[in-house]
Amino acid sequence: MKLDLTVAELAALVDGRVEGAADRRVDQLCSPEAASGDDLAVIFAEGADVANCRAGCLMVGNDSAQTSTPERSLIRVTEPEAAFDRLT
């Protein structure tokens, strides 16, 4: 799904909190397996394997152990499923 928004703009749409680069541009919403550096992937379950995920931004639950890096921003949300539904 095409997005063409910044991480900050996406976070505002889903009532999320940004960790990392808020000005990073996100081109599209993809599955974690298909995402590239300009994409957003939503992680629905804590403990999901994201070791090989190349997404530039992950949307995760507030309690997720995921951390932002210089290559990846995070959007923390209360309910990833509900946030995903808002974007689709």
PDB file of N, CA and C in Angstrom:
ATOM      1  N   MET A   1       0.846  -1.181   0.000  1.00  0.00           N
ATOM      2  CA  MET A   1       0.000   0.000   0.000  1.00  0.00           C
ATOM      3  C   MET A   1       0.889   1.242   0.000  1.00  0.00           C
ATOM      4  N   LYS A   2       0.645   2.148  -0.909  1.00  0.00           N
ATOM      5  CA  LYS A   2       1.423   3.374  -1.043  1.00  0.00           C
ATOM      6  C   LYS A   2       1.119   4.322   0.112  1.00  0.00           C
ATOM      7  N   LEU A   3       2.175   4.910   0.709  1.00  0.00           N
ATOM      8  CA  LEU A   3       2.010   5.838   1.832  1.00  0.00           C
ATOM      9  C   LEU A   3       2.582   7.217   1.526  1.00  0.00           C
ATOM     10  N   ASP A   4       3.867   7.300   1.216  1.00  0.00           N
ATOM     11  CA  ASP A   4       4.577   8.553   0.940  1.00  0.00           C
ATOM     12  C   ASP A   4       4.365   9.585   2.054  1.00  0.00           C
ATOM     13  N   LEU A   5       4.707   9.190   3.287  1.00  0.00           N
ATOM     14  CA  LEU A   5       4.599  10.045   4.463  1.00  0.00           C
ATOM     15  C   LEU A   5       5.867   9.926   5.296  1.00  0.00           C
ATOM     16  N   THR A   6       6.062  10.867   6.208  1.00  0.00           N
ATOM     17  CA  THR A   6       7.167  10.730   7.151  1.00  0.00           C
ATOM     18  C   THR A   6       6.720   9.837   8.313  1.00  0.00           C
ATOM     19  N   VAL A   7       7.687   9.356   9.064  1.00  0.00           N
ATOM     20  CA  VAL A   7       7.389   8.558  10.246  1.00  0.00           C
ATOM     21  C   VAL A   7       6.516   9.371  11.209  1.00  0.00           C
ATOM     22  N   ALA A   8       6.824  10.642  11.377  1.00  0.00           N
ATOM     23  CA  ALA A   8       6.040  11.504  12.267  1.00  0.00           C
ATOM     24  C   ALA A   8       4.596  11.618  11.789  1.00  0.00           C
ATOM     25  N   GLU A   9       4.381  11.774  10.498  1.00  0.00           N
ATOM     26  CA  GLU A   9       3.021  11.869   9.955  1.00  0.00           C
ATOM     27  C   GLU A   9       2.257  10.566  10.169  1.00  0.00           C
ATOM     28  N   LEU A  10       2.930   9.436   9.957  1.00  0.00           N
ATOM     29  CA  LEU A  10       2.296   8.139  10.194  1.00  0.00           C
ATOM     30  C   LEU A  10       1.928   7.969  11.659  1.00  0.00           C
ATOM     31  N   ALA A  11       2.845   8.334  12.532  1.00  0.00           N
ATOM     32  CA  ALA A  11       2.585   8.209  13.973  1.00  0.00           C
ATOM     33  C   ALA A  11       1.371   9.038  14.367  1.00  0.00           C
ATOM     34  N   ALA A  12       1.226  10.218  13.815  1.00  0.00           N
ATOM     35  CA  ALA A  12       0.070  11.059  14.130  1.00  0.00           C
ATOM     36  C   ALA A  12      -1.234  10.410  13.672  1.00  0.00           C
ATOM     37  N   LEU A  13      -1.207   9.719  12.542  1.00  0.00           N
ATOM     38  CA  LEU A  13      -2.409   9.057  12.021  1.00  0.00           C
ATOM     39  C   LEU A  13      -2.887   7.917  12.917  1.00  0.00           C
ATOM     40  N   VAL A  14      -1.951   7.288  13.627  1.00  0.00           N
ATOM     41  CA  VAL A  14      -2.303   6.107  14.429  1.00  0.00           C
ATOM     42  C   VAL A  14      -2.150   6.355  15.927  1.00  0.00           C
ATOM     43  N   ASP A  15      -1.994   7.612  16.317  1.00  0.00           N
ATOM     44  CA  ASP A  15      -1.796   7.969  17.726  1.00  0.00           C
ATOM     45  C   ASP A  15      -0.602   7.228  18.318  1.00  0.00           C
ATOM     46  N   GLY A  16       0.480   7.187  17.559  1.00  0.00           N
ATOM     47  CA  GLY A  16       1.683   6.488  17.992  1.00  0.00           C
ATOM     48  C   GLY A  16       2.765   7.432  18.472  1.00  0.00           C
ATOM     49  N   ARG A  17       3.821   6.836  19.000  1.00  0.00           N
ATOM     50  CA  ARG A  17       4.977   7.582  19.509  1.00  0.00           C
ATOM     51  C   ARG A  17       6.208   7.156  18.716  1.00  0.00           C
ATOM     52  N   VAL A  18       6.952   8.131  18.205  1.00  0.00           N
ATOM     53  CA  VAL A  18       8.128   7.873  17.372  1.00  0.00           C
ATOM     54  C   VAL A  18       9.368   7.687  18.225  1.00  0.00           C
ATOM     55  N   GLU A  19      10.155   6.698  17.848  1.00  0.00           N
ATOM     56  CA  GLU A  19      11.509   6.541  18.371  1.00  0.00           C
ATOM     57  C   GLU A  19      12.429   6.496  17.165  1.00  0.00           C
ATOM     58  N   GLY A  20      13.475   7.284  17.196  1.00  0.00           N
ATOM     59  CA  GLY A  20      14.389   7.354  16.064  1.00  0.00           C
ATOM     60  C   GLY A  20      14.040   8.531  15.167  1.00  0.00           C
ATOM     61  N   ALA A  21      14.441   8.418  13.911  1.00  0.00           N
ATOM     62  CA  ALA A  21      14.289   9.521  12.946  1.00  0.00           C
ATOM     63  C   ALA A  21      12.831   9.732  12.563  1.00  0.00           C
ATOM     64  N   ALA A  22      12.242  10.820  13.037  1.00  0.00           N
ATOM     65  CA  ALA A  22      10.840  11.134  12.748  1.00  0.00           C
ATOM     66  C   ALA A  22      10.658  11.668  11.332  1.00  0.00           C
ATOM     67  N   ASP A  23      11.726  12.184  10.730  1.00  0.00           N
ATOM     68  CA  ASP A  23      11.620  12.765   9.392  1.00  0.00           C
ATOM     69  C   ASP A  23      11.909  11.770   8.269  1.00  0.00           C
ATOM     70  N   ARG A  24      12.143  10.510   8.607  1.00  0.00           N
ATOM     71  CA  ARG A  24      12.379   9.471   7.597  1.00  0.00           C
ATOM     72  C   ARG A  24      11.125   9.327   6.733  1.00  0.00           C
ATOM     73  N   ARG A  25      11.297   9.260   5.424  1.00  0.00           N
ATOM     74  CA  ARG A  25      10.171   9.080   4.505  1.00  0.00           C
ATOM     75  C   ARG A  25       9.853   7.600   4.382  1.00  0.00           C
ATOM     76  N   VAL A  26       8.572   7.301   4.363  1.00  0.00           N
ATOM     77  CA  VAL A  26       8.097   5.934   4.221  1.00  0.00           C
ATOM     78  C   VAL A  26       7.259   5.863   2.954  1.00  0.00           C
ATOM     79  N   ASP A  27       7.678   4.997   2.032  1.00  0.00           N
ATOM     80  CA  ASP A  27       7.001   4.895   0.740  1.00  0.00           C
ATOM     81  C   ASP A  27       5.753   4.028   0.771  1.00  0.00           C
ATOM     82  N   GLN A  28       5.853   2.874   1.457  1.00  0.00           N
ATOM     83  CA  GLN A  28       4.715   1.971   1.426  1.00  0.00           C
ATOM     84  C   GLN A  28       4.675   1.053   2.637  1.00  0.00           C
ATOM     85  N   LEU A  29       3.517   0.461   2.832  1.00  0.00           N
ATOM     86  CA  LEU A  29       3.291  -0.519   3.882  1.00  0.00           C
ATOM     87  C   LEU A  29       3.512  -1.894   3.276  1.00  0.00           C
ATOM     88  N   CYS A  30       4.390  -2.677   3.896  1.00  0.00           N
ATOM     89  CA  CYS A  30       4.734  -4.006   3.384  1.00  0.00           C
ATOM     90  C   CYS A  30       4.769  -5.017   4.519  1.00  0.00           C
ATOM     91  N   SER A  31       4.769  -6.276   4.146  1.00  0.00           N
ATOM     92  CA  SER A  31       4.990  -7.317   5.139  1.00  0.00           C
ATOM     93  C   SER A  31       6.441  -7.238   5.600  1.00  0.00           C
ATOM     94  N   PRO A  32       6.746  -7.718   6.790  1.00  0.00           N
ATOM     95  CA  PRO A  32       8.140  -7.688   7.256  1.00  0.00           C
ATOM     96  C   PRO A  32       9.094  -8.408   6.302  1.00  0.00           C
ATOM     97  N   GLU A  33       8.619  -9.460   5.658  1.00  0.00           N
ATOM     98  CA  GLU A  33       9.473 -10.233   4.747  1.00  0.00           C
ATOM     99  C   GLU A  33       9.775  -9.488   3.456  1.00  0.00           C
ATOM    100  N   ALA A  34       8.858  -8.644   3.004  1.00  0.00           N
ATOM    101  CA  ALA A  34       9.013  -7.965   1.718  1.00  0.00           C
ATOM    102  C   ALA A  34       9.514  -6.528   1.843  1.00  0.00           C
ATOM    103  N   ALA A  35       9.571  -5.993   3.045  1.00  0.00           N
ATOM    104  CA  ALA A  35       9.901  -4.573   3.244  1.00  0.00           C
ATOM    105  C   ALA A  35      11.352  -4.258   2.919  1.00  0.00           C
ATOM    106  N   SER A  36      11.564  -3.040   2.432  1.00  0.00           N
ATOM    107  CA  SER A  36      12.910  -2.524   2.191  1.00  0.00           C
ATOM    108  C   SER A  36      13.119  -1.275   3.051  1.00  0.00           C
ATOM    109  N   GLY A  37      14.219  -0.609   2.871  1.00  0.00           N
ATOM    110  CA  GLY A  37      14.604   0.512   3.714  1.00  0.00           C
ATOM    111  C   GLY A  37      13.672   1.705   3.718  1.00  0.00           C
ATOM    112  N   ASP A  38      12.807   1.827   2.710  1.00  0.00           N
ATOM    113  CA  ASP A  38      11.876   2.950   2.634  1.00  0.00           C
ATOM    114  C   ASP A  38      10.450   2.544   2.996  1.00  0.00           C
ATOM    115  N   ASP A  39      10.297   1.378   3.618  1.00  0.00           N
ATOM    116  CA  ASP A  39       8.972   0.836   3.888  1.00  0.00           C
ATOM    117  C   ASP A  39       8.661   0.763   5.377  1.00  0.00           C
ATOM    118  N   LEU A  40       7.366   0.641   5.667  1.00  0.00           N
ATOM    119  CA  LEU A  40       6.851   0.407   7.011  1.00  0.00           C
ATOM    120  C   LEU A  40       6.371  -1.032   7.094  1.00  0.00           C
ATOM    121  N   ALA A  41       6.753  -1.723   8.155  1.00  0.00           N
ATOM    122  CA  ALA A  41       6.228  -3.060   8.443  1.00  0.00           C
ATOM    123  C   ALA A  41       5.610  -3.027   9.832  1.00  0.00           C
ATOM    124  N   VAL A  42       4.477  -3.696   9.977  1.00  0.00           N
ATOM    125  CA  VAL A  42       3.797  -3.764  11.265  1.00  0.00           C
ATOM    126  C   VAL A  42       4.111  -5.116  11.900  1.00  0.00           C
ATOM    127  N   ILE A  43       4.530  -5.070  13.158  1.00  0.00           N
ATOM    128  CA  ILE A  43       4.822  -6.283  13.907  1.00  0.00           C
ATOM    129  C   ILE A  43       3.665  -6.499  14.882  1.00  0.00           C
ATOM    130  N   PHE A  44       2.895  -7.547  14.636  1.00  0.00           N
ATOM    131  CA  PHE A  44       1.686  -7.781  15.415  1.00  0.00           C
ATOM    132  C   PHE A  44       1.945  -8.519  16.725  1.00  0.00           C
ATOM    133  N   ALA A  45       2.977  -9.346  16.767  1.00  0.00           N
ATOM    134  CA  ALA A  45       3.205 -10.172  17.954  1.00  0.00           C
ATOM    135  C   ALA A  45       4.608  -9.946  18.510  1.00  0.00           C
ATOM    136  N   GLU A  46       4.679  -9.771  19.811  1.00  0.00           N
ATOM    137  CA  GLU A  46       5.970  -9.683  20.481  1.00  0.00           C
ATOM    138  C   GLU A  46       6.706 -11.005  20.238  1.00  0.00           C
ATOM    139  N   GLY A  47       7.967 -10.908  19.977  1.00  0.00           N
ATOM    140  CA  GLY A  47       8.759 -12.100  19.716  1.00  0.00           C
ATOM    141  C   GLY A  47       8.805 -12.481  18.248  1.00  0.00           C
ATOM    142  N   ALA A  48       8.122 -11.721  17.385  1.00  0.00           N
ATOM    143  CA  ALA A  48       8.178 -12.011  15.952  1.00  0.00           C
ATOM    144  C   ALA A  48       9.613 -11.844  15.475  1.00  0.00           C
ATOM    145  N   ASP A  49      10.020 -12.697  14.565  1.00  0.00           N
ATOM    146  CA  ASP A  49      11.387 -12.670  14.058  1.00  0.00           C
ATOM    147  C   ASP A  49      11.539 -11.546  13.031  1.00  0.00           C
ATOM    148  N   VAL A  50      12.240 -10.492  13.420  1.00  0.00           N
ATOM    149  CA  VAL A  50      12.473  -9.373  12.505  1.00  0.00           C
ATOM    150  C   VAL A  50      13.955  -9.236  12.165  1.00  0.00           C
ATOM    151  N   ALA A  51      14.725 -10.262  12.471  1.00  0.00           N
ATOM    152  CA  ALA A  51      16.174 -10.213  12.237  1.00  0.00           C
ATOM    153  C   ALA A  51      16.503  -9.938  10.774  1.00  0.00           C
ATOM    154  N   ASN A  52      15.710 -10.474   9.858  1.00  0.00           N
ATOM    155  CA  ASN A  52      15.969 -10.290   8.433  1.00  0.00           C
ATOM    156  C   ASN A  52      15.096  -9.223   7.800  1.00  0.00           C
ATOM    157  N   CYS A  53      14.301  -8.543   8.600  1.00  0.00           N
ATOM    158  CA  CYS A  53      13.431  -7.485   8.091  1.00  0.00           C
ATOM    159  C   CYS A  53      14.266  -6.250   7.768  1.00  0.00           C
ATOM    160  N   ARG A  54      14.096  -5.710   6.581  1.00  0.00           N
ATOM    161  CA  ARG A  54      14.877  -4.552   6.151  1.00  0.00           C
ATOM    162  C   ARG A  54      14.076  -3.251   6.181  1.00  0.00           C
ATOM    163  N   ALA A  55      12.910  -3.260   6.792  1.00  0.00           N
ATOM    164  CA  ALA A  55      12.058  -2.073   6.830  1.00  0.00           C
ATOM    165  C   ALA A  55      12.770  -0.912   7.503  1.00  0.00           C
ATOM    166  N   GLY A  56      12.577   0.280   6.958  1.00  0.00           N
ATOM    167  CA  GLY A  56      13.138   1.486   7.558  1.00  0.00           C
ATOM    168  C   GLY A  56      12.346   1.956   8.758  1.00  0.00           C
ATOM    169  N   CYS A  57      11.134   1.408   8.920  1.00  0.00           N
ATOM    170  CA  CYS A  57      10.290   1.752  10.055  1.00  0.00           C
ATOM    171  C   CYS A  57       9.455   0.544  10.449  1.00  0.00           C
ATOM    172  N   LEU A  58       9.394   0.285  11.741  1.00  0.00           N
ATOM    173  CA  LEU A  58       8.537  -0.769  12.278  1.00  0.00           C
ATOM    174  C   LEU A  58       7.471  -0.140  13.150  1.00  0.00           C
ATOM    175  N   MET A  59       6.248  -0.626  13.022  1.00  0.00           N
ATOM    176  CA  MET A  59       5.194  -0.260  13.951  1.00  0.00           C
ATOM    177  C   MET A  59       5.061  -1.426  14.919  1.00  0.00           C
ATOM    178  N   VAL A  60       5.215  -1.129  16.201  1.00  0.00           N
ATOM    179  CA  VAL A  60       5.234  -2.171  17.226  1.00  0.00           C
ATOM    180  C   VAL A  60       4.340  -1.767  18.393  1.00  0.00           C
ATOM    181  N   GLY A  61       4.024  -2.728  19.234  1.00  0.00           N
ATOM    182  CA  GLY A  61       3.269  -2.447  20.438  1.00  0.00           C
ATOM    183  C   GLY A  61       4.108  -1.657  21.430  1.00  0.00           C
ATOM    184  N   ASN A  62       3.434  -0.967  22.333  1.00  0.00           N
ATOM    185  CA  ASN A  62       4.136  -0.154  23.327  1.00  0.00           C
ATOM    186  C   ASN A  62       5.106  -0.956  24.178  1.00  0.00           C
ATOM    187  N   ASP A  63       4.808  -2.224  24.407  1.00  0.00           N
ATOM    188  CA  ASP A  63       5.645  -3.057  25.264  1.00  0.00           C
ATOM    189  C   ASP A  63       6.703  -3.846  24.505  1.00  0.00           C
ATOM    190  N   SER A  64       6.835  -3.606  23.211  1.00  0.00           N
ATOM    191  CA  SER A  64       7.800  -4.360  22.403  1.00  0.00           C
ATOM    192  C   SER A  64       9.232  -4.093  22.861  1.00  0.00           C
ATOM    193  N   ALA A  65      10.051  -5.119  22.780  1.00  0.00           N
ATOM    194  CA  ALA A  65      11.469  -4.995  23.118  1.00  0.00           C
ATOM    195  C   ALA A  65      12.287  -4.428  21.958  1.00  0.00           C
ATOM    196  N   GLN A  66      11.665  -4.216  20.803  1.00  0.00           N
ATOM    197  CA  GLN A  66      12.383  -3.652  19.654  1.00  0.00           C
ATOM    198  C   GLN A  66      12.931  -2.276  19.998  1.00  0.00           C
ATOM    199  N   THR A  67      14.076  -1.947  19.432  1.00  0.00           N
ATOM    200  CA  THR A  67      14.677  -0.636  19.636  1.00  0.00           C
ATOM    201  C   THR A  67      14.949   0.016  18.282  1.00  0.00           C
ATOM    202  N   SER A  68      14.949   1.330  18.266  1.00  0.00           N
ATOM    203  CA  SER A  68      15.285   2.042  17.032  1.00  0.00           C
ATOM    204  C   SER A  68      16.787   1.975  16.817  1.00  0.00           C
ATOM    205  N   THR A  69      17.190   2.139  15.572  1.00  0.00           N
ATOM    206  CA  THR A  69      18.598   2.188  15.185  1.00  0.00           C
ATOM    207  C   THR A  69      18.764   3.333  14.196  1.00  0.00           C
ATOM    208  N   PRO A  70      19.979   3.674  13.818  1.00  0.00           N
ATOM    209  CA  PRO A  70      20.132   4.711  12.787  1.00  0.00           C
ATOM    210  C   PRO A  70      19.451   4.333  11.467  1.00  0.00           C
ATOM    211  N   GLU A  71      19.298   3.032  11.206  1.00  0.00           N
ATOM    212  CA  GLU A  71      18.689   2.568   9.959  1.00  0.00           C
ATOM    213  C   GLU A  71      17.190   2.324  10.086  1.00  0.00           C
ATOM    214  N   ARG A  72      16.661   2.331  11.321  1.00  0.00           N
ATOM    215  CA  ARG A  72      15.262   1.961  11.507  1.00  0.00           C
ATOM    216  C   ARG A  72      14.607   2.793  12.597  1.00  0.00           C
ATOM    217  N   SER A  73      13.505   3.431  12.240  1.00  0.00           N
ATOM    218  CA  SER A  73      12.665   4.149  13.202  1.00  0.00           C
ATOM    219  C   SER A  73      11.590   3.200  13.714  1.00  0.00           C
ATOM    220  N   LEU A  74      11.023   3.534  14.859  1.00  0.00           N
ATOM    221  CA  LEU A  74       9.901   2.781  15.408  1.00  0.00           C
ATOM    222  C   LEU A  74       8.714   3.710  15.608  1.00  0.00           C
ATOM    223  N   ILE A  75       7.528   3.164  15.444  1.00  0.00           N
ATOM    224  CA  ILE A  75       6.304   3.816  15.875  1.00  0.00           C
ATOM    225  C   ILE A  75       5.679   2.877  16.898  1.00  0.00           C
ATOM    226  N   ARG A  76       5.586   3.340  18.135  1.00  0.00           N
ATOM    227  CA  ARG A  76       4.981   2.531  19.202  1.00  0.00           C
ATOM    228  C   ARG A  76       3.507   2.890  19.316  1.00  0.00           C
ATOM    229  N   VAL A  77       2.675   1.848  19.351  1.00  0.00           N
ATOM    230  CA  VAL A  77       1.231   2.032  19.434  1.00  0.00           C
ATOM    231  C   VAL A  77       0.656   1.089  20.492  1.00  0.00           C
ATOM    232  N   THR A  78      -0.526   1.427  20.981  1.00  0.00           N
ATOM    233  CA  THR A  78      -1.185   0.593  21.973  1.00  0.00           C
ATOM    234  C   THR A  78      -1.613  -0.744  21.378  1.00  0.00           C
ATOM    235  N   GLU A  79      -2.220  -0.705  20.199  1.00  0.00           N
ATOM    236  CA  GLU A  79      -2.715  -1.917  19.540  1.00  0.00           C
ATOM    237  C   GLU A  79      -2.274  -1.924  18.074  1.00  0.00           C
ATOM    238  N   PRO A  80      -1.234  -2.706  17.733  1.00  0.00           N
ATOM    239  CA  PRO A  80      -0.764  -2.734  16.346  1.00  0.00           C
ATOM    240  C   PRO A  80      -1.850  -3.095  15.332  1.00  0.00           C
ATOM    241  N   GLU A  81      -2.750  -4.013  15.687  1.00  0.00           N
ATOM    242  CA  GLU A  81      -3.805  -4.415  14.755  1.00  0.00           C
ATOM    243  C   GLU A  81      -4.721  -3.236  14.419  1.00  0.00           C
ATOM    244  N   ALA A  82      -5.120  -2.488  15.439  1.00  0.00           N
ATOM    245  CA  ALA A  82      -5.997  -1.328  15.228  1.00  0.00           C
ATOM    246  C   ALA A  82      -5.276  -0.244  14.422  1.00  0.00           C
ATOM    247  N   ALA A  83      -3.995  -0.032  14.699  1.00  0.00           N
ATOM    248  CA  ALA A  83      -3.223   0.969  13.960  1.00  0.00           C
ATOM    249  C   ALA A  83      -3.102   0.555  12.487  1.00  0.00           C
ATOM    250  N   PHE A  84      -2.868  -0.718  12.258  1.00  0.00           N
ATOM    251  CA  PHE A  84      -2.797  -1.237  10.888  1.00  0.00           C
ATOM    252  C   PHE A  84      -4.121  -0.984  10.158  1.00  0.00           C
ATOM    253  N   ASP A  85      -5.223  -1.255  10.832  1.00  0.00           N
ATOM    254  CA  ASP A  85      -6.537  -1.037  10.221  1.00  0.00           C
ATOM    255  C   ASP A  85      -6.750   0.423   9.854  1.00  0.00           C
ATOM    256  N   ARG A  86      -6.229   1.339  10.647  1.00  0.00           N
ATOM    257  CA  ARG A  86      -6.367   2.774  10.340  1.00  0.00           C
ATOM    258  C   ARG A  86      -5.637   3.145   9.049  1.00  0.00           C
ATOM    259  N   LEU A  87      -4.553   2.440   8.764  1.00  0.00           N
ATOM    260  CA  LEU A  87      -3.752   2.758   7.585  1.00  0.00           C
ATOM    261  C   LEU A  87      -4.260   2.095   6.314  1.00  0.00           C
ATOM    262  N   THR A  88      -5.056   1.078   6.472  1.00  0.00           N
ATOM    263  CA  THR A  88      -5.495   0.323   5.274  1.00  0.00           C
ATOM    264  C   THR A  88      -6.940   0.627   4.921  1.00  0.00           C
TER     265      THR A  88
END
